[in-house]
Amino acid sequence: MNFDAVLIAGPTASGKSSLALKLARDFGGAVINADSMQVYRELRILSARPDEAEQALAPHYLYGFVSALKPFSVGKWLDAAANALAQCREKGSVPLIVGGTGLYFAALTNGLSPIPEIHASIRVEARQRLAEIGNERFHAELALRDPVMAQRLAPGDSQRLVRAWEVVEATGQSLAEWQQLKSPPVLTGSLATFVLKPDRTWLNARIASRFDGMMKEGALDEVRALVASGLDPDLPAARALGVPQLTAHLQGRLSLDEAVSQAVADTRRYAKRQMTWFRHQMPDWTVIERSEPGEIADIVARALE
């Protein structure tokens, strides 16, 4: 292989982990997690983290290595990823970085602005305000506080509007100012970059069947243990796919069927948002418009030879 690293992004349930494992075994590589929920040790089932048997087949880094009860940020993941990459270099392993968190890939390859950690309560307040007044008014209010970012962002770009709002609220400085202080990329060199883009109908069916499998494996008990541990609802793990709905069931606010149905629908919406992010933020990455895992593996393997 003539590449320094292989990066594989894709929506949830698209088969990224199994693809990375196959490539790691075929090319003598190591898998590095770039999924923001698979970092939490308490969320093995609902995050679809590779199990112990799968991780034993090839080196795996950054899976289940932090507590869901503590805040975790892109910056902390980037530091951990830099250490994992250094270990791969020492061992002569090809890093295969795989996940669905676009911000992780962006920080890794483009650098990261040194924005201080934003308290979760500020993020919640921003989202609540957006929901209360709608995108147009929220955009107008942002323009009064941060005209530079408001000019850059469309009223419909909810995620970035909230991000710009929370940064100026927490730091008193525009996100644009912080972005000018961006650090150098952690990962450089010859990179093979792929985005999986499976058929939407296939992916929707796979999301439903996978969630059904998670329930049979013990997802409800996993959430029950999280709730019992006193998980702060403002922490990222509390918003992991399936956690809010199953929590609502445990609290008597939803039937189990309702919780599962809403979790599947939420996961499908999330996959759609992921694909939109990849399309806009990773325009130069090789897009693989296939669904069958064997086909995808053959395409990637040929590209790497």
C-alpha atoms as a PDB file:
ATOM      1  CA  MET A   1       0.000   0.000   0.000  1.00  0.00           C
ATOM      2  CA  ASN A   2       1.352   3.411  -0.998  1.00  0.00           C
ATOM      3  CA  PHE A   3      -0.701   5.449   1.458  1.00  0.00           C
ATOM      4  CA  ASP A   4       0.226   6.790   4.883  1.00  0.00           C
ATOM      5  CA  ALA A   5      -3.336   6.352   6.163  1.00  0.00           C
ATOM      6  CA  VAL A   6      -6.792   5.297   5.027  1.00  0.00           C
ATOM      7  CA  LEU A   7      -9.851   7.310   6.100  1.00  0.00           C
ATOM      8  CA  ILE A   8     -13.337   5.810   5.812  1.00  0.00           C
ATOM      9  CA  ALA A   9     -16.406   7.929   6.598  1.00  0.00           C
ATOM     10  CA  GLY A  10     -20.014   6.960   6.217  1.00  0.00           C
ATOM     11  CA  PRO A  11     -23.459   7.157   7.789  1.00  0.00           C
ATOM     12  CA  THR A  12     -24.447   5.014  10.715  1.00  0.00           C
ATOM     13  CA  ALA A  13     -25.162   1.355   9.875  1.00  0.00           C
ATOM     14  CA  SER A  14     -23.345   1.541   6.519  1.00  0.00           C
ATOM     15  CA  GLY A  15     -20.862  -1.218   7.399  1.00  0.00           C
ATOM     16  CA  LYS A  16     -17.796   0.926   8.088  1.00  0.00           C
ATOM     17  CA  SER A  17     -16.455  -1.094  11.015  1.00  0.00           C
ATOM     18  CA  SER A  18     -16.567  -4.463   9.263  1.00  0.00           C
ATOM     19  CA  LEU A  19     -14.936  -2.910   6.187  1.00  0.00           C
ATOM     20  CA  ALA A  20     -12.132  -1.416   8.291  1.00  0.00           C
ATOM     21  CA  LEU A  21     -11.543  -4.733  10.042  1.00  0.00           C
ATOM     22  CA  LYS A  22     -11.268  -6.592   6.732  1.00  0.00           C
ATOM     23  CA  LEU A  23      -8.832  -4.018   5.352  1.00  0.00           C
ATOM     24  CA  ALA A  24      -6.780  -4.100   8.553  1.00  0.00           C
ATOM     25  CA  ARG A  25      -6.408  -7.857   8.260  1.00  0.00           C
ATOM     26  CA  ASP A  26      -5.661  -7.766   4.520  1.00  0.00           C
ATOM     27  CA  PHE A  27      -3.145  -4.924   4.631  1.00  0.00           C
ATOM     28  CA  GLY A  28      -1.627  -5.229   8.104  1.00  0.00           C
ATOM     29  CA  GLY A  29      -3.379  -2.174   9.432  1.00  0.00           C
ATOM     30  CA  ALA A  30      -4.822  -0.903  12.696  1.00  0.00           C
ATOM     31  CA  VAL A  31      -8.318   0.527  13.127  1.00  0.00           C
ATOM     32  CA  ILE A  32      -8.701   3.943  14.784  1.00  0.00           C
ATOM     33  CA  ASN A  33     -12.189   4.991  15.849  1.00  0.00           C
ATOM     34  CA  ALA A  34     -13.601   8.302  14.566  1.00  0.00           C
ATOM     35  CA  ASP A  35     -17.120   7.933  15.970  1.00  0.00           C
ATOM     36  CA  SER A  36     -18.039  10.215  18.853  1.00  0.00           C
ATOM     37  CA  MET A  37     -20.293   7.661  20.577  1.00  0.00           C
ATOM     38  CA  GLN A  38     -18.065   4.596  20.224  1.00  0.00           C
ATOM     39  CA  VAL A  39     -15.527   6.256  22.515  1.00  0.00           C
ATOM     40  CA  TYR A  40     -17.810   5.625  25.530  1.00  0.00           C
ATOM     41  CA  ARG A  41     -17.264   2.348  27.377  1.00  0.00           C
ATOM     42  CA  GLU A  42     -20.873   2.246  28.636  1.00  0.00           C
ATOM     43  CA  LEU A  43     -22.380   2.390  25.119  1.00  0.00           C
ATOM     44  CA  ARG A  44     -21.064  -0.757  23.449  1.00  0.00           C
ATOM     45  CA  ILE A  45     -24.423  -1.989  22.144  1.00  0.00           C
ATOM     46  CA  LEU A  46     -26.178   1.225  21.118  1.00  0.00           C
ATOM     47  CA  SER A  47     -23.039   2.679  19.507  1.00  0.00           C
ATOM     48  CA  ALA A  48     -22.508  -0.590  17.552  1.00  0.00           C
ATOM     49  CA  ARG A  49     -18.938  -0.727  18.829  1.00  0.00           C
ATOM     50  CA  PRO A  50     -16.889  -3.721  17.612  1.00  0.00           C
ATOM     51  CA  ASP A  51     -17.028  -6.432  20.246  1.00  0.00           C
ATOM     52  CA  GLU A  52     -14.030  -8.038  21.947  1.00  0.00           C
ATOM     53  CA  ALA A  53     -13.840 -10.896  19.439  1.00  0.00           C
ATOM     54  CA  GLU A  54     -13.715  -8.462  16.505  1.00  0.00           C
ATOM     55  CA  GLN A  55     -11.163  -6.227  18.202  1.00  0.00           C
ATOM     56  CA  ALA A  56      -8.954  -9.258  18.823  1.00  0.00           C
ATOM     57  CA  LEU A  57      -8.629  -9.838  15.060  1.00  0.00           C
ATOM     58  CA  ALA A  58      -6.666  -6.609  14.478  1.00  0.00           C
ATOM     59  CA  PRO A  59      -5.371  -3.699  16.588  1.00  0.00           C
ATOM     60  CA  HIS A  60      -8.148  -1.263  17.522  1.00  0.00           C
ATOM     61  CA  TYR A  61      -7.689   2.172  19.089  1.00  0.00           C
ATOM     62  CA  LEU A  62     -10.017   4.685  20.786  1.00  0.00           C
ATOM     63  CA  TYR A  63     -12.958   2.340  21.342  1.00  0.00           C
ATOM     64  CA  GLY A  64     -14.719   2.455  24.727  1.00  0.00           C
ATOM     65  CA  PHE A  65     -11.834   4.265  26.386  1.00  0.00           C
ATOM     66  CA  VAL A  66     -13.653   7.110  28.169  1.00  0.00           C
ATOM     67  CA  SER A  67     -16.542   7.347  30.612  1.00  0.00           C
ATOM     68  CA  ALA A  68     -19.949   8.462  29.385  1.00  0.00           C
ATOM     69  CA  LEU A  69     -20.325  10.322  32.692  1.00  0.00           C
ATOM     70  CA  LYS A  70     -17.642  12.860  31.773  1.00  0.00           C
ATOM     71  CA  PRO A  71     -17.536  15.536  29.054  1.00  0.00           C
ATOM     72  CA  PHE A  72     -15.548  14.605  25.959  1.00  0.00           C
ATOM     73  CA  SER A  73     -14.629  16.945  23.121  1.00  0.00           C
ATOM     74  CA  VAL A  74     -13.218  16.961  19.614  1.00  0.00           C
ATOM     75  CA  GLY A  75      -9.973  18.334  21.028  1.00  0.00           C
ATOM     76  CA  LYS A  76      -9.620  15.454  23.477  1.00  0.00           C
ATOM     77  CA  TRP A  77     -10.296  12.959  20.702  1.00  0.00           C
ATOM     78  CA  LEU A  78      -7.695  14.664  18.507  1.00  0.00           C
ATOM     79  CA  ASP A  79      -5.042  14.318  21.219  1.00  0.00           C
ATOM     80  CA  ALA A  80      -5.902  10.640  21.631  1.00  0.00           C
ATOM     81  CA  ALA A  81      -5.849  10.128  17.858  1.00  0.00           C
ATOM     82  CA  ALA A  82      -2.386  11.688  17.630  1.00  0.00           C
ATOM     83  CA  ASN A  83      -1.152   9.160  20.225  1.00  0.00           C
ATOM     84  CA  ALA A  84      -2.793   6.279  18.362  1.00  0.00           C
ATOM     85  CA  LEU A  85      -1.192   7.375  15.093  1.00  0.00           C
ATOM     86  CA  ALA A  86       2.211   7.528  16.795  1.00  0.00           C
ATOM     87  CA  GLN A  87       1.746   3.959  18.046  1.00  0.00           C
ATOM     88  CA  CYS A  88       0.804   2.826  14.545  1.00  0.00           C
ATOM     89  CA  ARG A  89       3.984   4.395  13.152  1.00  0.00           C
ATOM     90  CA  GLU A  90       6.108   2.699  15.815  1.00  0.00           C
ATOM     91  CA  LYS A  91       4.597  -0.691  14.992  1.00  0.00           C
ATOM     92  CA  GLY A  92       4.636  -0.214  11.230  1.00  0.00           C
ATOM     93  CA  SER A  93       0.831  -0.532  10.996  1.00  0.00           C
ATOM     94  CA  VAL A  94      -1.217   1.334   8.409  1.00  0.00           C
ATOM     95  CA  PRO A  95      -3.802   3.503  10.253  1.00  0.00           C
ATOM     96  CA  LEU A  96      -7.387   2.916   9.112  1.00  0.00           C
ATOM     97  CA  ILE A  97      -9.440   5.750  10.596  1.00  0.00           C
ATOM     98  CA  VAL A  98     -13.140   4.933  10.452  1.00  0.00           C
ATOM     99  CA  GLY A  99     -16.293   6.574  11.749  1.00  0.00           C
ATOM    100  CA  GLY A 100     -19.245   8.789  11.120  1.00  0.00           C
ATOM    101  CA  THR A 101     -18.278  11.954  13.022  1.00  0.00           C
ATOM    102  CA  GLY A 102     -17.385  14.490  10.384  1.00  0.00           C
ATOM    103  CA  LEU A 103     -15.892  16.967  12.862  1.00  0.00           C
ATOM    104  CA  TYR A 104     -13.330  14.366  13.928  1.00  0.00           C
ATOM    105  CA  PHE A 105     -12.133  13.905  10.353  1.00  0.00           C
ATOM    106  CA  ALA A 106     -12.092  17.670   9.776  1.00  0.00           C
ATOM    107  CA  ALA A 107     -10.008  18.291  12.894  1.00  0.00           C
ATOM    108  CA  LEU A 108      -7.624  15.488  11.973  1.00  0.00           C
ATOM    109  CA  THR A 109      -6.945  16.627   8.408  1.00  0.00           C
ATOM    110  CA  ASN A 110      -7.547  20.402   8.581  1.00  0.00           C
ATOM    111  CA  GLY A 111      -6.531  21.362  12.109  1.00  0.00           C
ATOM    112  CA  LEU A 112      -8.596  22.498  15.068  1.00  0.00           C
ATOM    113  CA  SER A 113      -9.419  25.928  16.418  1.00  0.00           C
ATOM    114  CA  PRO A 114      -8.485  26.301  20.118  1.00  0.00           C
ATOM    115  CA  ILE A 115     -12.036  27.107  21.207  1.00  0.00           C
ATOM    116  CA  PRO A 116     -12.520  26.595  24.943  1.00  0.00           C
ATOM    117  CA  GLU A 117     -14.930  23.842  25.966  1.00  0.00           C
ATOM    118  CA  ILE A 118     -18.524  25.035  25.782  1.00  0.00           C
ATOM    119  CA  HIS A 119     -20.677  24.074  28.748  1.00  0.00           C
ATOM    120  CA  ALA A 120     -23.482  21.753  27.686  1.00  0.00           C
ATOM    121  CA  SER A 121     -26.098  24.041  29.234  1.00  0.00           C
ATOM    122  CA  ILE A 122     -25.215  26.804  26.758  1.00  0.00           C
ATOM    123  CA  ARG A 123     -25.670  24.398  23.861  1.00  0.00           C
ATOM    124  CA  VAL A 124     -29.037  23.306  25.234  1.00  0.00           C
ATOM    125  CA  GLU A 125     -30.149  26.923  25.642  1.00  0.00           C
ATOM    126  CA  ALA A 126     -29.161  27.715  22.048  1.00  0.00           C
ATOM    127  CA  ARG A 127     -31.107  24.750  20.700  1.00  0.00           C
ATOM    128  CA  GLN A 128     -34.138  25.630  22.778  1.00  0.00           C
ATOM    129  CA  ARG A 129     -34.035  29.197  21.523  1.00  0.00           C
ATOM    130  CA  LEU A 130     -33.822  27.990  17.922  1.00  0.00           C
ATOM    131  CA  ALA A 131     -36.803  25.695  18.457  1.00  0.00           C
ATOM    132  CA  GLU A 132     -38.821  28.493  20.064  1.00  0.00           C
ATOM    133  CA  ILE A 133     -38.318  31.223  17.466  1.00  0.00           C
ATOM    134  CA  GLY A 134     -37.407  29.377  14.276  1.00  0.00           C
ATOM    135  CA  ASN A 135     -34.406  29.612  11.983  1.00  0.00           C
ATOM    136  CA  GLU A 136     -35.111  33.015  10.434  1.00  0.00           C
ATOM    137  CA  ARG A 137     -35.424  34.882  13.726  1.00  0.00           C
ATOM    138  CA  PHE A 138     -32.559  32.926  15.268  1.00  0.00           C
ATOM    139  CA  HIS A 139     -30.376  33.918  12.307  1.00  0.00           C
ATOM    140  CA  ALA A 140     -31.409  37.548  12.759  1.00  0.00           C
ATOM    141  CA  GLU A 141     -30.551  37.455  16.463  1.00  0.00           C
ATOM    142  CA  LEU A 142     -27.184  35.880  15.687  1.00  0.00           C
ATOM    143  CA  ALA A 143     -26.520  38.720  13.237  1.00  0.00           C
ATOM    144  CA  LEU A 144     -26.817  41.200  16.108  1.00  0.00           C
ATOM    145  CA  ARG A 145     -24.254  39.293  18.183  1.00  0.00           C
ATOM    146  CA  ASP A 146     -21.946  37.916  15.492  1.00  0.00           C
ATOM    147  CA  PRO A 147     -22.548  39.619  12.132  1.00  0.00           C
ATOM    148  CA  VAL A 148     -19.529  37.949  10.514  1.00  0.00           C
ATOM    149  CA  MET A 149     -20.760  34.394  11.120  1.00  0.00           C
ATOM    150  CA  ALA A 150     -24.358  35.323  10.369  1.00  0.00           C
ATOM    151  CA  GLN A 151     -23.272  36.598   6.974  1.00  0.00           C
ATOM    152  CA  ARG A 152     -21.460  33.316   6.283  1.00  0.00           C
ATOM    153  CA  LEU A 153     -24.323  31.050   7.336  1.00  0.00           C
ATOM    154  CA  ALA A 154     -27.667  30.383   5.708  1.00  0.00           C
ATOM    155  CA  PRO A 155     -30.763  30.590   7.930  1.00  0.00           C
ATOM    156  CA  GLY A 156     -31.463  26.928   7.263  1.00  0.00           C
ATOM    157  CA  ASP A 157     -28.083  25.712   8.540  1.00  0.00           C
ATOM    158  CA  SER A 158     -29.326  24.944  12.056  1.00  0.00           C
ATOM    159  CA  GLN A 159     -26.272  23.055  13.296  1.00  0.00           C
ATOM    160  CA  ARG A 160     -23.808  25.783  12.411  1.00  0.00           C
ATOM    161  CA  LEU A 161     -26.095  28.556  13.595  1.00  0.00           C
ATOM    162  CA  VAL A 162     -26.237  26.928  17.024  1.00  0.00           C
ATOM    163  CA  ARG A 163     -22.474  26.432  17.006  1.00  0.00           C
ATOM    164  CA  ALA A 164     -21.803  30.094  16.163  1.00  0.00           C
ATOM    165  CA  TRP A 165     -24.273  31.209  18.849  1.00  0.00           C
ATOM    166  CA  GLU A 166     -22.837  29.025  21.609  1.00  0.00           C
ATOM    167  CA  VAL A 167     -19.252  30.099  20.874  1.00  0.00           C
ATOM    168  CA  VAL A 168     -19.963  33.815  21.001  1.00  0.00           C
ATOM    169  CA  GLU A 169     -22.168  33.279  24.083  1.00  0.00           C
ATOM    170  CA  ALA A 170     -19.490  31.314  25.943  1.00  0.00           C
ATOM    171  CA  THR A 171     -16.354  33.195  24.873  1.00  0.00           C
ATOM    172  CA  GLY A 172     -17.447  36.641  23.819  1.00  0.00           C
ATOM    173  CA  GLN A 173     -15.590  36.134  20.537  1.00  0.00           C
ATOM    174  CA  SER A 174     -16.855  35.263  17.085  1.00  0.00           C
ATOM    175  CA  LEU A 175     -16.300  31.733  15.827  1.00  0.00           C
ATOM    176  CA  ALA A 176     -14.616  33.386  12.846  1.00  0.00           C
ATOM    177  CA  GLU A 177     -11.927  34.813  15.137  1.00  0.00           C
ATOM    178  CA  TRP A 178     -11.312  31.422  16.727  1.00  0.00           C
ATOM    179  CA  GLN A 179     -11.061  29.774  13.317  1.00  0.00           C
ATOM    180  CA  GLN A 180      -8.174  32.055  12.401  1.00  0.00           C
ATOM    181  CA  LEU A 181      -6.167  30.449  15.236  1.00  0.00           C
ATOM    182  CA  LYS A 182      -6.504  26.934  13.819  1.00  0.00           C
ATOM    183  CA  SER A 183      -3.694  24.493  14.658  1.00  0.00           C
ATOM    184  CA  PRO A 184      -1.794  22.515  11.979  1.00  0.00           C
ATOM    185  CA  PRO A 185      -3.332  19.200  10.874  1.00  0.00           C
ATOM    186  CA  VAL A 186      -2.371  16.140  12.934  1.00  0.00           C
ATOM    187  CA  LEU A 187      -2.560  13.851   9.905  1.00  0.00           C
ATOM    188  CA  THR A 188      -0.697  14.685   6.699  1.00  0.00           C
ATOM    189  CA  GLY A 189       0.962  12.761   3.899  1.00  0.00           C
ATOM    190  CA  SER A 190      -0.569  10.506   1.270  1.00  0.00           C
ATOM    191  CA  LEU A 191      -4.129   9.793   2.372  1.00  0.00           C
ATOM    192  CA  ALA A 192      -6.722   7.486   0.834  1.00  0.00           C
ATOM    193  CA  THR A 193     -10.116   8.978   1.663  1.00  0.00           C
ATOM    194  CA  PHE A 194     -13.482   7.273   1.131  1.00  0.00           C
ATOM    195  CA  VAL A 195     -17.104   8.123   1.892  1.00  0.00           C
ATOM    196  CA  LEU A 196     -19.640   5.298   1.864  1.00  0.00           C
ATOM    197  CA  LYS A 197     -22.942   6.295   0.273  1.00  0.00           C
ATOM    198  CA  PRO A 198     -25.281   3.304   0.391  1.00  0.00           C
ATOM    199  CA  ASP A 199     -28.705   3.201  -1.206  1.00  0.00           C
ATOM    200  CA  ARG A 200     -31.170   5.055   1.033  1.00  0.00           C
ATOM    201  CA  THR A 201     -33.786   2.281   1.020  1.00  0.00           C
ATOM    202  CA  TRP A 202     -31.150  -0.328   1.869  1.00  0.00           C
ATOM    203  CA  LEU A 203     -29.752   1.828   4.662  1.00  0.00           C
ATOM    204  CA  ASN A 204     -33.159   2.536   6.189  1.00  0.00           C
ATOM    205  CA  ALA A 205     -33.941  -1.179   6.302  1.00  0.00           C
ATOM    206  CA  ARG A 206     -30.530  -1.938   7.790  1.00  0.00           C
ATOM    207  CA  ILE A 207     -31.000   0.713  10.495  1.00  0.00           C
ATOM    208  CA  ALA A 208     -34.287  -0.895  11.537  1.00  0.00           C
ATOM    209  CA  SER A 209     -32.923  -4.436  11.555  1.00  0.00           C
ATOM    210  CA  ARG A 210     -29.790  -3.382  13.402  1.00  0.00           C
ATOM    211  CA  PHE A 211     -31.770  -1.619  16.120  1.00  0.00           C
ATOM    212  CA  ASP A 212     -33.904  -4.721  16.501  1.00  0.00           C
ATOM    213  CA  GLY A 213     -30.683  -6.693  16.993  1.00  0.00           C
ATOM    214  CA  MET A 214     -29.483  -4.173  19.565  1.00  0.00           C
ATOM    215  CA  MET A 215     -32.677  -4.602  21.542  1.00  0.00           C
ATOM    216  CA  LYS A 216     -32.252  -8.366  21.559  1.00  0.00           C
ATOM    217  CA  GLU A 217     -28.633  -7.953  22.653  1.00  0.00           C
ATOM    218  CA  GLY A 218     -29.577  -5.877  25.697  1.00  0.00           C
ATOM    219  CA  ALA A 219     -29.786  -2.211  24.646  1.00  0.00           C
ATOM    220  CA  LEU A 220     -32.530  -1.524  27.185  1.00  0.00           C
ATOM    221  CA  ASP A 221     -30.389  -2.842  30.024  1.00  0.00           C
ATOM    222  CA  GLU A 222     -27.502  -0.711  28.756  1.00  0.00           C
ATOM    223  CA  VAL A 223     -29.651   2.414  29.015  1.00  0.00           C
ATOM    224  CA  ARG A 224     -31.055   1.295  32.367  1.00  0.00           C
ATOM    225  CA  ALA A 225     -27.501   1.104  33.715  1.00  0.00           C
ATOM    226  CA  LEU A 226     -26.695   4.555  32.318  1.00  0.00           C
ATOM    227  CA  VAL A 227     -29.747   6.090  33.958  1.00  0.00           C
ATOM    228  CA  ALA A 228     -28.918   4.385  37.247  1.00  0.00           C
ATOM    229  CA  SER A 229     -25.384   5.788  37.102  1.00  0.00           C
ATOM    230  CA  GLY A 230     -26.784   9.324  37.232  1.00  0.00           C
ATOM    231  CA  LEU A 231     -25.936  10.334  33.660  1.00  0.00           C
ATOM    232  CA  ASP A 232     -26.303  14.115  33.235  1.00  0.00           C
ATOM    233  CA  PRO A 233     -28.903  14.666  30.470  1.00  0.00           C
ATOM    234  CA  ASP A 234     -26.760  17.493  29.086  1.00  0.00           C
ATOM    235  CA  LEU A 235     -23.806  15.180  28.371  1.00  0.00           C
ATOM    236  CA  PRO A 236     -23.298  13.900  24.789  1.00  0.00           C
ATOM    237  CA  ALA A 237     -23.861  10.251  25.738  1.00  0.00           C
ATOM    238  CA  ALA A 238     -27.377  11.123  26.923  1.00  0.00           C
ATOM    239  CA  ARG A 239     -28.198  12.120  23.341  1.00  0.00           C
ATOM    240  CA  ALA A 240     -26.733   9.009  21.699  1.00  0.00           C
ATOM    241  CA  LEU A 241     -29.045   7.361  19.198  1.00  0.00           C
ATOM    242  CA  GLY A 242     -31.641   5.351  21.086  1.00  0.00           C
ATOM    243  CA  VAL A 243     -30.760   6.622  24.548  1.00  0.00           C
ATOM    244  CA  PRO A 244     -33.404   9.394  24.851  1.00  0.00           C
ATOM    245  CA  GLN A 245     -36.194   7.151  23.590  1.00  0.00           C
ATOM    246  CA  LEU A 246     -35.316   4.138  25.740  1.00  0.00           C
ATOM    247  CA  THR A 247     -34.867   6.452  28.731  1.00  0.00           C
ATOM    248  CA  ALA A 248     -38.372   7.794  28.104  1.00  0.00           C
ATOM    249  CA  HIS A 249     -39.674   4.225  28.090  1.00  0.00           C
ATOM    250  CA  LEU A 250     -37.959   3.418  31.377  1.00  0.00           C
ATOM    251  CA  GLN A 251     -39.527   6.535  32.858  1.00  0.00           C
ATOM    252  CA  GLY A 252     -42.985   5.463  31.697  1.00  0.00           C
ATOM    253  CA  ARG A 253     -43.371   8.189  29.066  1.00  0.00           C
ATOM    254  CA  LEU A 254     -43.293   5.872  26.018  1.00  0.00           C
ATOM    255  CA  SER A 255     -44.267   2.286  25.369  1.00  0.00           C
ATOM    256  CA  LEU A 256     -41.415   0.057  24.249  1.00  0.00           C
ATOM    257  CA  ASP A 257     -42.793  -0.108  20.706  1.00  0.00           C
ATOM    258  CA  GLU A 258     -43.054   3.687  20.585  1.00  0.00           C
ATOM    259  CA  ALA A 259     -39.498   4.068  21.898  1.00  0.00           C
ATOM    260  CA  VAL A 260     -38.081   1.680  19.308  1.00  0.00           C
ATOM    261  CA  SER A 261     -40.047   3.270  16.462  1.00  0.00           C
ATOM    262  CA  GLN A 262     -38.905   6.776  17.434  1.00  0.00           C
ATOM    263  CA  ALA A 263     -35.298   5.647  17.869  1.00  0.00           C
ATOM    264  CA  VAL A 264     -35.253   4.089  14.392  1.00  0.00           C
ATOM    265  CA  ALA A 265     -36.763   7.247  12.871  1.00  0.00           C
ATOM    266  CA  ASP A 266     -34.234   9.426  14.702  1.00  0.00           C
ATOM    267  CA  THR A 267     -31.374   7.232  13.480  1.00  0.00           C
ATOM    268  CA  ARG A 268     -32.582   7.526   9.890  1.00  0.00           C
ATOM    269  CA  ARG A 269     -32.739  11.309  10.176  1.00  0.00           C
ATOM    270  CA  TYR A 270     -29.240  11.343  11.651  1.00  0.00           C
ATOM    271  CA  ALA A 271     -27.895   9.245   8.752  1.00  0.00           C
ATOM    272  CA  LYS A 272     -29.409  11.754   6.334  1.00  0.00           C
ATOM    273  CA  ARG A 273     -27.711  14.646   8.156  1.00  0.00           C
ATOM    274  CA  GLN A 274     -24.405  12.763   8.069  1.00  0.00           C
ATOM    275  CA  MET A 275     -24.609  12.324   4.298  1.00  0.00           C
ATOM    276  CA  THR A 276     -25.387  16.014   3.856  1.00  0.00           C
ATOM    277  CA  TRP A 277     -22.340  16.917   5.953  1.00  0.00           C
ATOM    278  CA  PHE A 278     -20.070  14.554   4.016  1.00  0.00           C
ATOM    279  CA  ARG A 279     -21.315  15.903   0.692  1.00  0.00           C
ATOM    280  CA  HIS A 280     -20.589  19.513   1.621  1.00  0.00           C
ATOM    281  CA  GLN A 281     -17.461  19.080   3.745  1.00  0.00           C
ATOM    282  CA  MET A 282     -15.684  16.218   1.953  1.00  0.00           C
ATOM    283  CA  PRO A 283     -16.094  17.088  -1.739  1.00  0.00           C
ATOM    284  CA  ASP A 284     -12.705  15.636  -2.708  1.00  0.00           C
ATOM    285  CA  TRP A 285     -13.179  12.257  -1.013  1.00  0.00           C
ATOM    286  CA  THR A 286     -13.910   9.177  -3.135  1.00  0.00           C
ATOM    287  CA  VAL A 287     -17.608   8.362  -2.849  1.00  0.00           C
ATOM    288  CA  ILE A 288     -18.584   4.699  -3.007  1.00  0.00           C
ATOM    289  CA  GLU A 289     -22.224   4.384  -4.016  1.00  0.00           C
ATOM    290  CA  ARG A 290     -22.654   0.732  -3.171  1.00  0.00           C
ATOM    291  CA  SER A 291     -24.487  -1.116  -0.419  1.00  0.00           C
ATOM    292  CA  GLU A 292     -23.182  -4.679  -0.582  1.00  0.00           C
ATOM    293  CA  PRO A 293     -20.227  -5.036   1.849  1.00  0.00           C
ATOM    294  CA  GLY A 294     -18.318  -7.364  -0.456  1.00  0.00           C
ATOM    295  CA  GLU A 295     -18.547  -4.935  -3.363  1.00  0.00           C
ATOM    296  CA  ILE A 296     -17.398  -2.035  -1.205  1.00  0.00           C
ATOM    297  CA  ALA A 297     -14.430  -3.998   0.136  1.00  0.00           C
ATOM    298  CA  ASP A 298     -13.339  -4.960  -3.392  1.00  0.00           C
ATOM    299  CA  ILE A 299     -13.548  -1.344  -4.605  1.00  0.00           C
ATOM    300  CA  VAL A 300     -11.501  -0.007  -1.685  1.00  0.00           C
ATOM    301  CA  ALA A 301      -8.948  -2.815  -1.871  1.00  0.00           C
ATOM    302  CA  ARG A 302      -8.332  -2.157  -5.564  1.00  0.00           C
ATOM    303  CA  ALA A 303      -7.887   1.555  -4.861  1.00  0.00           C
ATOM    304  CA  LEU A 304      -5.294   0.781  -2.186  1.00  0.00           C
ATOM    305  CA  GLU A 305      -3.205  -1.685  -4.207  1.00  0.00           C
END
